[in-house]
Amino acid sequence: MRAVLRQLVRKGRVLAARDGRRCVYRTAAARARLRRSAARRLLDTFFGGSVEQAVATLLSAAERDVSAEEAARLRRLIEDARTKGGRP
């Protein structure tokens, strides 16, 4: 495991810091970028790249109704994605 972590540090994918006698590792990528990357893989793997199918699945899997406020926020997110370079 240490050898793998050393390779990841060398490649710049992981950052290492000393905390007393132990070494603490953390990702070098920004959390938002990691989320987008994971979401892309999820879309491609399970939904054939379809945002519509992914959202429909999430909504059907929810254990409660979507509130009016959440629905309004979702509409704004969709509109923002359409007008600011997001794929339709």
PDB file of N, CA and C in Angstrom:
ATOM      1  N   MET A   1       0.828  -1.181   0.000  1.00  0.00           N
ATOM      2  CA  MET A   1       0.000   0.000   0.000  1.00  0.00           C
ATOM      3  C   MET A   1       0.879   1.253   0.000  1.00  0.00           C
ATOM      4  N   ARG A   2       1.926   1.233   0.770  1.00  0.00           N
ATOM      5  CA  ARG A   2       2.806   2.419   0.806  1.00  0.00           C
ATOM      6  C   ARG A   2       3.426   2.703  -0.555  1.00  0.00           C
ATOM      7  N   ALA A   3       3.778   1.631  -1.260  1.00  0.00           N
ATOM      8  CA  ALA A   3       4.367   1.809  -2.595  1.00  0.00           C
ATOM      9  C   ALA A   3       3.363   2.478  -3.527  1.00  0.00           C
ATOM     10  N   VAL A   4       2.110   2.065  -3.467  1.00  0.00           N
ATOM     11  CA  VAL A   4       1.070   2.666  -4.304  1.00  0.00           C
ATOM     12  C   VAL A   4       0.892   4.130  -3.929  1.00  0.00           C
ATOM     13  N   LEU A   5       0.839   4.433  -2.648  1.00  0.00           N
ATOM     14  CA  LEU A   5       0.695   5.819  -2.209  1.00  0.00           C
ATOM     15  C   LEU A   5       1.881   6.662  -2.649  1.00  0.00           C
ATOM     16  N   ARG A   6       3.094   6.110  -2.555  1.00  0.00           N
ATOM     17  CA  ARG A   6       4.277   6.856  -3.019  1.00  0.00           C
ATOM     18  C   ARG A   6       4.171   7.179  -4.507  1.00  0.00           C
ATOM     19  N   GLN A   7       3.681   6.222  -5.302  1.00  0.00           N
ATOM     20  CA  GLN A   7       3.514   6.455  -6.740  1.00  0.00           C
ATOM     21  C   GLN A   7       2.485   7.565  -6.993  1.00  0.00           C
ATOM     22  N   LEU A   8       1.383   7.516  -6.241  1.00  0.00           N
ATOM     23  CA  LEU A   8       0.350   8.538  -6.402  1.00  0.00           C
ATOM     24  C   LEU A   8       0.854   9.919  -5.988  1.00  0.00           C
ATOM     25  N   VAL A   9       1.676   9.975  -4.948  1.00  0.00           N
ATOM     26  CA  VAL A   9       2.292  11.246  -4.532  1.00  0.00           C
ATOM     27  C   VAL A   9       3.227  11.735  -5.627  1.00  0.00           C
ATOM     28  N   ARG A  10       4.028  10.832  -6.163  1.00  0.00           N
ATOM     29  CA  ARG A  10       4.975  11.192  -7.229  1.00  0.00           C
ATOM     30  C   ARG A  10       4.246  11.737  -8.457  1.00  0.00           C
ATOM     31  N   LYS A  11       3.090  11.167  -8.777  1.00  0.00           N
ATOM     32  CA  LYS A  11       2.304  11.612  -9.934  1.00  0.00           C
ATOM     33  C   LYS A  11       1.481  12.863  -9.647  1.00  0.00           C
ATOM     34  N   GLY A  12       1.428  13.287  -8.375  1.00  0.00           N
ATOM     35  CA  GLY A  12       0.695  14.486  -8.026  1.00  0.00           C
ATOM     36  C   GLY A  12      -0.784  14.265  -7.777  1.00  0.00           C
ATOM     37  N   ARG A  13      -1.216  13.024  -7.692  1.00  0.00           N
ATOM     38  CA  ARG A  13      -2.639  12.726  -7.455  1.00  0.00           C
ATOM     39  C   ARG A  13      -2.995  12.739  -5.980  1.00  0.00           C
ATOM     40  N   VAL A  14      -1.999  12.529  -5.129  1.00  0.00           N
ATOM     41  CA  VAL A  14      -2.204  12.474  -3.681  1.00  0.00           C
ATOM     42  C   VAL A  14      -1.176  13.381  -3.021  1.00  0.00           C
ATOM     43  N   LEU A  15      -1.588  14.059  -1.952  1.00  0.00           N
ATOM     44  CA  LEU A  15      -0.676  14.886  -1.178  1.00  0.00           C
ATOM     45  C   LEU A  15      -0.379  14.176   0.131  1.00  0.00           C
ATOM     46  N   ALA A  16       0.851  14.290   0.587  1.00  0.00           N
ATOM     47  CA  ALA A  16       1.261  13.653   1.840  1.00  0.00           C
ATOM     48  C   ALA A  16       1.743  14.724   2.808  1.00  0.00           C
ATOM     49  N   ALA A  17       1.390  14.536   4.079  1.00  0.00           N
ATOM     50  CA  ALA A  17       1.834  15.467   5.123  1.00  0.00           C
ATOM     51  C   ALA A  17       2.147  14.656   6.372  1.00  0.00           C
ATOM     52  N   ARG A  18       3.115  15.111   7.113  1.00  0.00           N
ATOM     53  CA  ARG A  18       3.477  14.445   8.368  1.00  0.00           C
ATOM     54  C   ARG A  18       2.606  14.956   9.497  1.00  0.00           C
ATOM     55  N   ASP A  19       2.176  14.032  10.343  1.00  0.00           N
ATOM     56  CA  ASP A  19       1.423  14.348  11.556  1.00  0.00           C
ATOM     57  C   ASP A  19       2.083  13.543  12.670  1.00  0.00           C
ATOM     58  N   GLY A  20       3.088  14.146  13.261  1.00  0.00           N
ATOM     59  CA  GLY A  20       3.871  13.398  14.247  1.00  0.00           C
ATOM     60  C   GLY A  20       4.667  12.320  13.547  1.00  0.00           C
ATOM     61  N   ARG A  21       4.476  11.082  13.955  1.00  0.00           N
ATOM     62  CA  ARG A  21       5.205   9.967  13.349  1.00  0.00           C
ATOM     63  C   ARG A  21       4.488   9.383  12.139  1.00  0.00           C
ATOM     64  N   ARG A  22       3.247   9.753  11.933  1.00  0.00           N
ATOM     65  CA  ARG A  22       2.513   9.157  10.830  1.00  0.00           C
ATOM     66  C   ARG A  22       2.421  10.109   9.642  1.00  0.00           C
ATOM     67  N   CYS A  23       2.174   9.527   8.507  1.00  0.00           N
ATOM     68  CA  CYS A  23       2.002  10.292   7.278  1.00  0.00           C
ATOM     69  C   CYS A  23       0.515  10.281   6.936  1.00  0.00           C
ATOM     70  N   VAL A  24      -0.040  11.448   6.661  1.00  0.00           N
ATOM     71  CA  VAL A  24      -1.449  11.582   6.325  1.00  0.00           C
ATOM     72  C   VAL A  24      -1.547  11.911   4.841  1.00  0.00           C
ATOM     73  N   TYR A  25      -2.392  11.148   4.144  1.00  0.00           N
ATOM     74  CA  TYR A  25      -2.563  11.342   2.710  1.00  0.00           C
ATOM     75  C   TYR A  25      -3.942  11.919   2.432  1.00  0.00           C
ATOM     76  N   ARG A  26      -4.009  12.753   1.400  1.00  0.00           N
ATOM     77  CA  ARG A  26      -5.296  13.272   0.952  1.00  0.00           C
ATOM     78  C   ARG A  26      -5.213  13.514  -0.545  1.00  0.00           C
ATOM     79  N   THR A  27      -6.361  13.534  -1.161  1.00  0.00           N
ATOM     80  CA  THR A  27      -6.393  13.708  -2.606  1.00  0.00           C
ATOM     81  C   THR A  27      -5.907  15.103  -2.992  1.00  0.00           C
ATOM     82  N   ALA A  28      -5.281  15.183  -4.135  1.00  0.00           N
ATOM     83  CA  ALA A  28      -4.805  16.472  -4.627  1.00  0.00           C
ATOM     84  C   ALA A  28      -5.887  17.168  -5.457  1.00  0.00           C
ATOM     85  N   ALA A  29      -6.903  16.432  -5.867  1.00  0.00           N
ATOM     86  CA  ALA A  29      -7.964  17.000  -6.700  1.00  0.00           C
ATOM     87  C   ALA A  29      -9.005  17.698  -5.830  1.00  0.00           C
ATOM     88  N   ALA A  30      -9.613  18.699  -6.394  1.00  0.00           N
ATOM     89  CA  ALA A  30     -10.676  19.409  -5.694  1.00  0.00           C
ATOM     90  C   ALA A  30     -11.897  18.502  -5.583  1.00  0.00           C
ATOM     91  N   ARG A  31     -12.595  18.604  -4.480  1.00  0.00           N
ATOM     92  CA  ARG A  31     -13.764  17.751  -4.220  1.00  0.00           C
ATOM     93  C   ARG A  31     -14.819  17.887  -5.325  1.00  0.00           C
ATOM     94  N   ALA A  32     -15.088  19.100  -5.783  1.00  0.00           N
ATOM     95  CA  ALA A  32     -16.096  19.311  -6.826  1.00  0.00           C
ATOM     96  C   ALA A  32     -15.688  18.605  -8.118  1.00  0.00           C
ATOM     97  N   ARG A  33     -14.410  18.663  -8.448  1.00  0.00           N
ATOM     98  CA  ARG A  33     -13.933  17.997  -9.662  1.00  0.00           C
ATOM     99  C   ARG A  33     -14.071  16.483  -9.531  1.00  0.00           C
ATOM    100  N   LEU A  34     -13.803  15.951  -8.346  1.00  0.00           N
ATOM    101  CA  LEU A  34     -13.975  14.517  -8.125  1.00  0.00           C
ATOM    102  C   LEU A  34     -15.436  14.115  -8.251  1.00  0.00           C
ATOM    103  N   ARG A  35     -16.337  14.939  -7.717  1.00  0.00           N
ATOM    104  CA  ARG A  35     -17.771  14.651  -7.841  1.00  0.00           C
ATOM    105  C   ARG A  35     -18.197  14.624  -9.297  1.00  0.00           C
ATOM    106  N   ARG A  36     -17.753  15.609 -10.078  1.00  0.00           N
ATOM    107  CA  ARG A  36     -18.114  15.644 -11.499  1.00  0.00           C
ATOM    108  C   ARG A  36     -17.583  14.420 -12.229  1.00  0.00           C
ATOM    109  N   SER A  37     -16.365  14.041 -11.932  1.00  0.00           N
ATOM    110  CA  SER A  37     -15.765  12.873 -12.572  1.00  0.00           C
ATOM    111  C   SER A  37     -16.531  11.600 -12.212  1.00  0.00           C
ATOM    112  N   ALA A  38     -16.876  11.448 -10.943  1.00  0.00           N
ATOM    113  CA  ALA A  38     -17.635  10.276 -10.506  1.00  0.00           C
ATOM    114  C   ALA A  38     -19.030  10.278 -11.139  1.00  0.00           C
ATOM    115  N   ALA A  39     -19.649  11.450 -11.231  1.00  0.00           N
ATOM    116  CA  ALA A  39     -20.981  11.546 -11.829  1.00  0.00           C
ATOM    117  C   ALA A  39     -20.934  11.163 -13.301  1.00  0.00           C
ATOM    118  N   ARG A  40     -19.871  11.604 -14.020  1.00  0.00           N
ATOM    119  CA  ARG A  40     -19.730  11.237 -15.424  1.00  0.00           C
ATOM    120  C   ARG A  40     -19.620   9.725 -15.590  1.00  0.00           C
ATOM    121  N   ARG A  41     -18.802   9.100 -14.731  1.00  0.00           N
ATOM    122  CA  ARG A  41     -18.651   7.639 -14.798  1.00  0.00           C
ATOM    123  C   ARG A  41     -19.970   6.944 -14.485  1.00  0.00           C
ATOM    124  N   LEU A  42     -20.685   7.444 -13.488  1.00  0.00           N
ATOM    125  CA  LEU A  42     -21.985   6.884 -13.124  1.00  0.00           C
ATOM    126  C   LEU A  42     -22.967   7.004 -14.294  1.00  0.00           C
ATOM    127  N   LEU A  43     -23.038   8.187 -14.887  1.00  0.00           N
ATOM    128  CA  LEU A  43     -23.923   8.394 -16.037  1.00  0.00           C
ATOM    129  C   LEU A  43     -23.598   7.437 -17.168  1.00  0.00           C
ATOM    130  N   ASP A  44     -22.328   7.327 -17.498  1.00  0.00           N
ATOM    131  CA  ASP A  44     -21.914   6.464 -18.601  1.00  0.00           C
ATOM    132  C   ASP A  44     -22.146   4.993 -18.296  1.00  0.00           C
ATOM    133  N   THR A  45     -21.816   4.578 -17.081  1.00  0.00           N
ATOM    134  CA  THR A  45     -21.888   3.164 -16.720  1.00  0.00           C
ATOM    135  C   THR A  45     -23.316   2.665 -16.572  1.00  0.00           C
ATOM    136  N   PHE A  46     -24.148   3.404 -15.872  1.00  0.00           N
ATOM    137  CA  PHE A  46     -25.478   2.912 -15.528  1.00  0.00           C
ATOM    138  C   PHE A  46     -26.612   3.496 -16.358  1.00  0.00           C
ATOM    139  N   PHE A  47     -26.392   4.650 -16.978  1.00  0.00           N
ATOM    140  CA  PHE A  47     -27.485   5.327 -17.663  1.00  0.00           C
ATOM    141  C   PHE A  47     -27.179   5.649 -19.119  1.00  0.00           C
ATOM    142  N   GLY A  48     -26.122   5.081 -19.666  1.00  0.00           N
ATOM    143  CA  GLY A  48     -25.787   5.326 -21.065  1.00  0.00           C
ATOM    144  C   GLY A  48     -25.600   6.794 -21.381  1.00  0.00           C
ATOM    145  N   GLY A  49     -25.173   7.578 -20.402  1.00  0.00           N
ATOM    146  CA  GLY A  49     -24.950   9.006 -20.591  1.00  0.00           C
ATOM    147  C   GLY A  49     -26.200   9.858 -20.477  1.00  0.00           C
ATOM    148  N   SER A  50     -27.334   9.253 -20.158  1.00  0.00           N
ATOM    149  CA  SER A  50     -28.602   9.986 -20.101  1.00  0.00           C
ATOM    150  C   SER A  50     -28.817  10.642 -18.741  1.00  0.00           C
ATOM    151  N   VAL A  51     -28.766  11.966 -18.724  1.00  0.00           N
ATOM    152  CA  VAL A  51     -29.047  12.717 -17.503  1.00  0.00           C
ATOM    153  C   VAL A  51     -30.508  12.509 -17.109  1.00  0.00           C
ATOM    154  N   GLU A  52     -31.384  12.490 -18.103  1.00  0.00           N
ATOM    155  CA  GLU A  52     -32.813  12.305 -17.837  1.00  0.00           C
ATOM    156  C   GLU A  52     -33.078  10.989 -17.099  1.00  0.00           C
ATOM    157  N   GLN A  53     -32.485   9.900 -17.565  1.00  0.00           N
ATOM    158  CA  GLN A  53     -32.699   8.614 -16.908  1.00  0.00           C
ATOM    159  C   GLN A  53     -32.112   8.604 -15.495  1.00  0.00           C
ATOM    160  N   ALA A  54     -30.962   9.243 -15.320  1.00  0.00           N
ATOM    161  CA  ALA A  54     -30.341   9.292 -13.996  1.00  0.00           C
ATOM    162  C   ALA A  54     -31.218  10.066 -13.011  1.00  0.00           C
ATOM    163  N   VAL A  55     -31.710  11.215 -13.426  1.00  0.00           N
ATOM    164  CA  VAL A  55     -32.562  12.027 -12.548  1.00  0.00           C
ATOM    165  C   VAL A  55     -33.866  11.296 -12.257  1.00  0.00           C
ATOM    166  N   ALA A  56     -34.458  10.673 -13.275  1.00  0.00           N
ATOM    167  CA  ALA A  56     -35.702   9.922 -13.071  1.00  0.00           C
ATOM    168  C   ALA A  56     -35.491   8.799 -12.063  1.00  0.00           C
ATOM    169  N   THR A  57     -34.362   8.117 -12.139  1.00  0.00           N
ATOM    170  CA  THR A  57     -34.065   7.042 -11.200  1.00  0.00           C
ATOM    171  C   THR A  57     -33.898   7.589  -9.786  1.00  0.00           C
ATOM    172  N   LEU A  58     -33.170   8.695  -9.641  1.00  0.00           N
ATOM    173  CA  LEU A  58     -32.995   9.301  -8.320  1.00  0.00           C
ATOM    174  C   LEU A  58     -34.324   9.731  -7.727  1.00  0.00           C
ATOM    175  N   LEU A  59     -35.169  10.331  -8.546  1.00  0.00           N
ATOM    176  CA  LEU A  59     -36.470  10.781  -8.046  1.00  0.00           C
ATOM    177  C   LEU A  59     -37.356   9.598  -7.648  1.00  0.00           C
ATOM    178  N   SER A  60     -37.319   8.523  -8.426  1.00  0.00           N
ATOM    179  CA  SER A  60     -38.153   7.361  -8.097  1.00  0.00           C
ATOM    180  C   SER A  60     -37.612   6.612  -6.885  1.00  0.00           C
ATOM    181  N   ALA A  61     -36.307   6.746  -6.614  1.00  0.00           N
ATOM    182  CA  ALA A  61     -35.706   6.051  -5.472  1.00  0.00           C
ATOM    183  C   ALA A  61     -35.840   6.840  -4.170  1.00  0.00           C
ATOM    184  N   ALA A  62     -36.197   8.116  -4.272  1.00  0.00           N
ATOM    185  CA  ALA A  62     -36.330   8.948  -3.074  1.00  0.00           C
ATOM    186  C   ALA A  62     -37.424   8.384  -2.177  1.00  0.00           C
ATOM    187  N   GLU A  63     -37.185   8.449  -0.895  1.00  0.00           N
ATOM    188  CA  GLU A  63     -38.151   7.906   0.060  1.00  0.00           C
ATOM    189  C   GLU A  63     -39.156   8.958   0.522  1.00  0.00           C
ATOM    190  N   ARG A  64     -39.155  10.101  -0.130  1.00  0.00           N
ATOM    191  CA  ARG A  64     -40.117  11.150   0.209  1.00  0.00           C
ATOM    192  C   ARG A  64     -40.391  11.961  -1.052  1.00  0.00           C
ATOM    193  N   ASP A  65     -41.433  12.746  -1.009  1.00  0.00           N
ATOM    194  CA  ASP A  65     -41.772  13.601  -2.141  1.00  0.00           C
ATOM    195  C   ASP A  65     -40.784  14.755  -2.242  1.00  0.00           C
ATOM    196  N   VAL A  66     -40.628  15.250  -3.448  1.00  0.00           N
ATOM    197  CA  VAL A  66     -39.795  16.424  -3.676  1.00  0.00           C
ATOM    198  C   VAL A  66     -40.610  17.642  -3.260  1.00  0.00           C
ATOM    199  N   SER A  67     -40.033  18.472  -2.394  1.00  0.00           N
ATOM    200  CA  SER A  67     -40.751  19.664  -1.944  1.00  0.00           C
ATOM    201  C   SER A  67     -40.818  20.696  -3.067  1.00  0.00           C
ATOM    202  N   ALA A  68     -41.713  21.647  -2.918  1.00  0.00           N
ATOM    203  CA  ALA A  68     -41.848  22.721  -3.907  1.00  0.00           C
ATOM    204  C   ALA A  68     -40.541  23.501  -4.035  1.00  0.00           C
ATOM    205  N   GLU A  69     -39.861  23.712  -2.896  1.00  0.00           N
ATOM    206  CA  GLU A  69     -38.592  24.455  -2.916  1.00  0.00           C
ATOM    207  C   GLU A  69     -37.518  23.663  -3.672  1.00  0.00           C
ATOM    208  N   GLU A  70     -37.438  22.358  -3.434  1.00  0.00           N
ATOM    209  CA  GLU A  70     -36.461  21.531  -4.150  1.00  0.00           C
ATOM    210  C   GLU A  70     -36.765  21.521  -5.648  1.00  0.00           C
ATOM    211  N   ALA A  71     -38.042  21.409  -5.988  1.00  0.00           N
ATOM    212  CA  ALA A  71     -38.430  21.402  -7.401  1.00  0.00           C
ATOM    213  C   ALA A  71     -38.027  22.718  -8.070  1.00  0.00           C
ATOM    214  N   ALA A  72     -38.214  23.815  -7.376  1.00  0.00           N
ATOM    215  CA  ALA A  72     -37.837  25.125  -7.931  1.00  0.00           C
ATOM    216  C   ALA A  72     -36.325  25.204  -8.124  1.00  0.00           C
ATOM    217  N   ARG A  73     -35.567  24.715  -7.140  1.00  0.00           N
ATOM    218  CA  ARG A  73     -34.100  24.717  -7.270  1.00  0.00           C
ATOM    219  C   ARG A  73     -33.665  23.829  -8.427  1.00  0.00           C
ATOM    220  N   LEU A  74     -34.302  22.681  -8.578  1.00  0.00           N
ATOM    221  CA  LEU A  74     -33.968  21.784  -9.685  1.00  0.00           C
ATOM    222  C   LEU A  74     -34.264  22.450 -11.027  1.00  0.00           C
ATOM    223  N   ARG A  75     -35.399  23.147 -11.126  1.00  0.00           N
ATOM    224  CA  ARG A  75     -35.707  23.859 -12.364  1.00  0.00           C
ATOM    225  C   ARG A  75     -34.639  24.900 -12.683  1.00  0.00           C
ATOM    226  N   ARG A  76     -34.189  25.623 -11.651  1.00  0.00           N
ATOM    227  CA  ARG A  76     -33.131  26.640 -11.867  1.00  0.00           C
ATOM    228  C   ARG A  76     -31.829  25.973 -12.308  1.00  0.00           C
ATOM    229  N   LEU A  77     -31.477  24.847 -11.693  1.00  0.00           N
ATOM    230  CA  LEU A  77     -30.253  24.135 -12.084  1.00  0.00           C
ATOM    231  C   LEU A  77     -30.323  23.673 -13.535  1.00  0.00           C
ATOM    232  N   ILE A  78     -31.492  23.173 -13.929  1.00  0.00           N
ATOM    233  CA  ILE A  78     -31.661  22.722 -15.315  1.00  0.00           C
ATOM    234  C   ILE A  78     -31.549  23.893 -16.269  1.00  0.00           C
ATOM    235  N   GLU A  79     -32.198  25.001 -15.940  1.00  0.00           N
ATOM    236  CA  GLU A  79     -32.129  26.182 -16.795  1.00  0.00           C
ATOM    237  C   GLU A  79     -30.701  26.714 -16.880  1.00  0.00           C
ATOM    238  N   ASP A  80     -29.996  26.755 -15.747  1.00  0.00           N
ATOM    239  CA  ASP A  80     -28.601  27.189 -15.755  1.00  0.00           C
ATOM    240  C   ASP A  80     -27.742  26.289 -16.633  1.00  0.00           C
ATOM    241  N   ALA A  81     -27.962  24.992 -16.548  1.00  0.00           N
ATOM    242  CA  ALA A  81     -27.182  24.039 -17.349  1.00  0.00           C
ATOM    243  C   ALA A  81     -27.455  24.245 -18.829  1.00  0.00           C
ATOM    244  N   ARG A  82     -28.681  24.597 -19.176  1.00  0.00           N
ATOM    245  CA  ARG A  82     -29.033  24.790 -20.586  1.00  0.00           C
ATOM    246  C   ARG A  82     -28.473  26.103 -21.133  1.00  0.00           C
ATOM    247  N   THR A  83     -28.443  27.153 -20.319  1.00  0.00           N
ATOM    248  CA  THR A  83     -28.042  28.467 -20.817  1.00  0.00           C
ATOM    249  C   THR A  83     -26.560  28.783 -20.629  1.00  0.00           C
ATOM    250  N   LYS A  84     -25.886  28.028 -19.776  1.00  0.00           N
ATOM    251  CA  LYS A  84     -24.474  28.328 -19.497  1.00  0.00           C
ATOM    252  C   LYS A  84     -23.550  27.245 -20.015  1.00  0.00           C
ATOM    253  N   GLY A  85     -23.890  26.695 -21.164  1.00  0.00           N
ATOM    254  CA  GLY A  85     -22.981  25.750 -21.788  1.00  0.00           C
ATOM    255  C   GLY A  85     -23.185  24.297 -21.409  1.00  0.00           C
ATOM    256  N   GLY A  86     -24.171  24.014 -20.570  1.00  0.00           N
ATOM    257  CA  GLY A  86     -24.452  22.618 -20.260  1.00  0.00           C
ATOM    258  C   GLY A  86     -25.082  21.960 -21.465  1.00  0.00           C
ATOM    259  N   ARG A  87     -24.923  20.669 -21.581  1.00  0.00           N
ATOM    260  CA  ARG A  87     -25.534  19.971 -22.705  1.00  0.00           C
ATOM    261  C   ARG A  87     -27.036  19.845 -22.473  1.00  0.00           C
ATOM    262  N   PRO A  88     -27.819  20.147 -23.493  1.00  0.00           N
ATOM    263  CA  PRO A  88     -29.285  20.045 -23.376  1.00  0.00           C
ATOM    264  C   PRO A  88     -29.739  18.606 -23.222  1.00  0.00           C
TER     265      PRO A  88
END
